[in-house]
Amino acid sequence: MKQELDLLEELLTLEENKKKQDILSAEERKQVEARIDALIRIAKIVSSAKKKLPANKQEGLQYVAERLLNESASAHLKEDADGRIEMTVLDSIYEPKILARMQMQKVGECLFITAVDFC
């Protein structure tokens, strides 16, 4: 996968150099920015394909949090009248794969995680 990531980096550098040119019209600049965004998303897909969900619960939670932060996963929340919240973390690359389910309890302004299940 190193070759793939190196190629993506090379393409990204080329697009960023195009973006710095002063002769681009507004439309051309938008197209370059769209290509840059697409290359970044592809790099995230390649990078996440390299990593698998660990069996260790603490490492699994770190993995899920990392995937949420780099936008390669999404969180969906449901709250009931008692203040219980269920969060389902979906893998946005290999949809509809579920990475984790967490149950939380809302107490005042705090959230307490009561259960975590890695799928």
C-alpha atoms as a PDB file:
ATOM      1  CA  MET A   1       0.000   0.000   0.000  1.00  0.00           C
ATOM      2  CA  LYS A   2       2.998   2.286   0.315  1.00  0.00           C
ATOM      3  CA  GLN A   3       3.118   2.673  -3.467  1.00  0.00           C
ATOM      4  CA  GLU A   4      -0.543   3.683  -3.574  1.00  0.00           C
ATOM      5  CA  LEU A   5      -0.125   6.254  -0.812  1.00  0.00           C
ATOM      6  CA  ASP A   6       3.027   7.629  -2.480  1.00  0.00           C
ATOM      7  CA  LEU A   7       1.154   8.018  -5.770  1.00  0.00           C
ATOM      8  CA  LEU A   8      -1.717   9.780  -4.016  1.00  0.00           C
ATOM      9  CA  GLU A   9       0.737  12.129  -2.330  1.00  0.00           C
ATOM     10  CA  GLU A  10       2.360  12.896  -5.684  1.00  0.00           C
ATOM     11  CA  LEU A  11      -1.021  13.633  -7.300  1.00  0.00           C
ATOM     12  CA  LEU A  12      -2.057  15.767  -4.350  1.00  0.00           C
ATOM     13  CA  THR A  13       1.172  17.791  -4.615  1.00  0.00           C
ATOM     14  CA  LEU A  14       0.552  18.369  -8.343  1.00  0.00           C
ATOM     15  CA  GLU A  15      -2.999  19.583  -7.674  1.00  0.00           C
ATOM     16  CA  GLU A  16      -1.857  21.864  -4.842  1.00  0.00           C
ATOM     17  CA  ASN A  17       0.774  23.379  -7.161  1.00  0.00           C
ATOM     18  CA  LYS A  18      -1.940  24.011  -9.782  1.00  0.00           C
ATOM     19  CA  LYS A  19      -4.041  25.742  -7.130  1.00  0.00           C
ATOM     20  CA  LYS A  20      -1.204  28.192  -6.389  1.00  0.00           C
ATOM     21  CA  GLN A  21      -1.156  29.462  -9.973  1.00  0.00           C
ATOM     22  CA  ASP A  22      -2.542  32.980 -10.373  1.00  0.00           C
ATOM     23  CA  ILE A  23      -3.855  32.366 -13.902  1.00  0.00           C
ATOM     24  CA  LEU A  24      -6.680  30.041 -12.830  1.00  0.00           C
ATOM     25  CA  SER A  25     -10.243  31.217 -13.205  1.00  0.00           C
ATOM     26  CA  ALA A  26     -12.687  30.821 -10.326  1.00  0.00           C
ATOM     27  CA  GLU A  27     -14.229  27.763 -12.014  1.00  0.00           C
ATOM     28  CA  GLU A  28     -10.837  26.122 -12.582  1.00  0.00           C
ATOM     29  CA  ARG A  29      -9.889  26.812  -8.963  1.00  0.00           C
ATOM     30  CA  LYS A  30     -13.105  25.089  -7.795  1.00  0.00           C
ATOM     31  CA  GLN A  31     -12.303  22.062  -9.973  1.00  0.00           C
ATOM     32  CA  VAL A  32      -8.782  21.831  -8.551  1.00  0.00           C
ATOM     33  CA  GLU A  33     -10.144  22.090  -4.992  1.00  0.00           C
ATOM     34  CA  ALA A  34     -12.684  19.339  -5.751  1.00  0.00           C
ATOM     35  CA  ARG A  35      -9.887  17.082  -7.047  1.00  0.00           C
ATOM     36  CA  ILE A  36      -7.825  17.818  -3.929  1.00  0.00           C
ATOM     37  CA  ASP A  37     -10.790  16.885  -1.702  1.00  0.00           C
ATOM     38  CA  ALA A  38     -11.332  13.670  -3.695  1.00  0.00           C
ATOM     39  CA  LEU A  39      -7.652  12.713  -3.399  1.00  0.00           C
ATOM     40  CA  ILE A  40      -7.748  13.299   0.356  1.00  0.00           C
ATOM     41  CA  ARG A  41     -10.857  11.077   0.659  1.00  0.00           C
ATOM     42  CA  ILE A  42      -9.147   8.355  -1.397  1.00  0.00           C
ATOM     43  CA  ALA A  43      -6.075   8.575   0.848  1.00  0.00           C
ATOM     44  CA  LYS A  44      -8.315   8.110   3.895  1.00  0.00           C
ATOM     45  CA  ILE A  45      -9.908   5.047   2.298  1.00  0.00           C
ATOM     46  CA  VAL A  46      -6.525   3.497   1.501  1.00  0.00           C
ATOM     47  CA  SER A  47      -5.213   4.328   4.974  1.00  0.00           C
ATOM     48  CA  SER A  48      -8.260   2.900   6.757  1.00  0.00           C
ATOM     49  CA  ALA A  49      -8.136  -0.261   4.648  1.00  0.00           C
ATOM     50  CA  LYS A  50      -4.665  -0.796   6.091  1.00  0.00           C
ATOM     51  CA  LYS A  51      -5.973  -0.780   9.655  1.00  0.00           C
ATOM     52  CA  LYS A  52      -8.370  -3.338  11.082  1.00  0.00           C
ATOM     53  CA  LEU A  53     -10.527  -3.106  14.201  1.00  0.00           C
ATOM     54  CA  PRO A  54      -8.402  -4.412  17.116  1.00  0.00           C
ATOM     55  CA  ALA A  55      -9.734  -7.096  19.449  1.00  0.00           C
ATOM     56  CA  ASN A  56      -8.531  -5.256  22.581  1.00  0.00           C
ATOM     57  CA  LYS A  57     -11.394  -3.051  23.875  1.00  0.00           C
ATOM     58  CA  GLN A  58      -9.232  -0.046  24.786  1.00  0.00           C
ATOM     59  CA  GLU A  59      -7.444  -0.115  21.428  1.00  0.00           C
ATOM     60  CA  GLY A  60     -10.830  -0.632  19.743  1.00  0.00           C
ATOM     61  CA  LEU A  61     -12.224   2.515  21.343  1.00  0.00           C
ATOM     62  CA  GLN A  62      -9.136   4.450  20.242  1.00  0.00           C
ATOM     63  CA  TYR A  63      -9.553   3.076  16.704  1.00  0.00           C
ATOM     64  CA  VAL A  64     -13.235   4.092  16.544  1.00  0.00           C
ATOM     65  CA  ALA A  65     -12.442   7.587  17.894  1.00  0.00           C
ATOM     66  CA  GLU A  66      -9.658   7.980  15.319  1.00  0.00           C
ATOM     67  CA  ARG A  67     -12.007   6.951  12.503  1.00  0.00           C
ATOM     68  CA  LEU A  68     -14.578   9.509  13.694  1.00  0.00           C
ATOM     69  CA  LEU A  69     -11.967  12.265  13.873  1.00  0.00           C
ATOM     70  CA  ASN A  70     -10.604  11.656  10.382  1.00  0.00           C
ATOM     71  CA  GLU A  71     -14.158  11.480   9.008  1.00  0.00           C
ATOM     72  CA  SER A  72     -13.948   7.902   7.767  1.00  0.00           C
ATOM     73  CA  ALA A  73     -16.753   6.937  10.165  1.00  0.00           C
ATOM     74  CA  SER A  74     -19.976   8.590  11.250  1.00  0.00           C
ATOM     75  CA  ALA A  75     -21.912   8.539  14.517  1.00  0.00           C
ATOM     76  CA  HIS A  76     -25.691   8.287  14.724  1.00  0.00           C
ATOM     77  CA  LEU A  77     -27.412   9.075  18.029  1.00  0.00           C
ATOM     78  CA  LYS A  78     -30.806   8.053  19.413  1.00  0.00           C
ATOM     79  CA  GLU A  79     -32.081   9.388  22.734  1.00  0.00           C
ATOM     80  CA  ASP A  80     -35.057   8.133  24.709  1.00  0.00           C
ATOM     81  CA  ALA A  81     -37.178   9.989  27.278  1.00  0.00           C
ATOM     82  CA  ASP A  82     -35.112   8.614  30.204  1.00  0.00           C
ATOM     83  CA  GLY A  83     -31.937  10.250  28.927  1.00  0.00           C
ATOM     84  CA  ARG A  84     -30.400   7.026  27.622  1.00  0.00           C
ATOM     85  CA  ILE A  85     -28.485   7.550  24.408  1.00  0.00           C
ATOM     86  CA  GLU A  86     -27.432   4.902  21.928  1.00  0.00           C
ATOM     87  CA  MET A  87     -24.642   5.813  19.524  1.00  0.00           C
ATOM     88  CA  THR A  88     -24.018   3.664  16.476  1.00  0.00           C
ATOM     89  CA  VAL A  89     -20.711   4.264  14.716  1.00  0.00           C
ATOM     90  CA  LEU A  90     -20.866   3.366  11.025  1.00  0.00           C
ATOM     91  CA  ASP A  91     -17.933   2.815   8.732  1.00  0.00           C
ATOM     92  CA  SER A  92     -18.540   5.385   5.994  1.00  0.00           C
ATOM     93  CA  ILE A  93     -16.083   3.667   3.663  1.00  0.00           C
ATOM     94  CA  TYR A  94     -17.442   0.112   3.777  1.00  0.00           C
ATOM     95  CA  GLU A  95     -21.072   0.992   4.434  1.00  0.00           C
ATOM     96  CA  PRO A  96     -23.242  -0.292   6.008  1.00  0.00           C
ATOM     97  CA  LYS A  97     -20.642  -1.898   8.307  1.00  0.00           C
ATOM     98  CA  ILE A  98     -21.143  -1.049  11.983  1.00  0.00           C
ATOM     99  CA  LEU A  99     -17.911  -0.437  13.908  1.00  0.00           C
ATOM    100  CA  ALA A 100     -19.366  -0.020  17.384  1.00  0.00           C
ATOM    101  CA  ARG A 101     -22.479   0.529  19.457  1.00  0.00           C
ATOM    102  CA  MET A 102     -22.328   2.516  22.677  1.00  0.00           C
ATOM    103  CA  GLN A 103     -24.947   3.072  25.313  1.00  0.00           C
ATOM    104  CA  MET A 104     -24.675   6.256  27.340  1.00  0.00           C
ATOM    105  CA  GLN A 105     -26.622   7.853  30.142  1.00  0.00           C
ATOM    106  CA  LYS A 106     -27.131  11.604  30.238  1.00  0.00           C
ATOM    107  CA  VAL A 107     -26.924  13.054  33.747  1.00  0.00           C
ATOM    108  CA  GLY A 108     -27.165  16.840  33.805  1.00  0.00           C
ATOM    109  CA  GLU A 109     -24.578  18.103  31.349  1.00  0.00           C
ATOM    110  CA  CYS A 110     -22.467  14.911  31.512  1.00  0.00           C
ATOM    111  CA  LEU A 111     -22.493  11.720  29.474  1.00  0.00           C
ATOM    112  CA  PHE A 112     -21.534   8.405  31.028  1.00  0.00           C
ATOM    113  CA  ILE A 113     -20.711   5.485  28.748  1.00  0.00           C
ATOM    114  CA  THR A 114     -22.485   2.467  30.201  1.00  0.00           C
ATOM    115  CA  ALA A 115     -21.716  -0.132  27.517  1.00  0.00           C
ATOM    116  CA  VAL A 116     -19.520  -0.487  24.424  1.00  0.00           C
ATOM    117  CA  ASP A 117     -19.872  -3.267  21.861  1.00  0.00           C
ATOM    118  CA  PHE A 118     -17.435  -3.522  18.973  1.00  0.00           C
ATOM    119  CA  CYS A 119     -18.867  -5.232  15.927  1.00  0.00           C
END
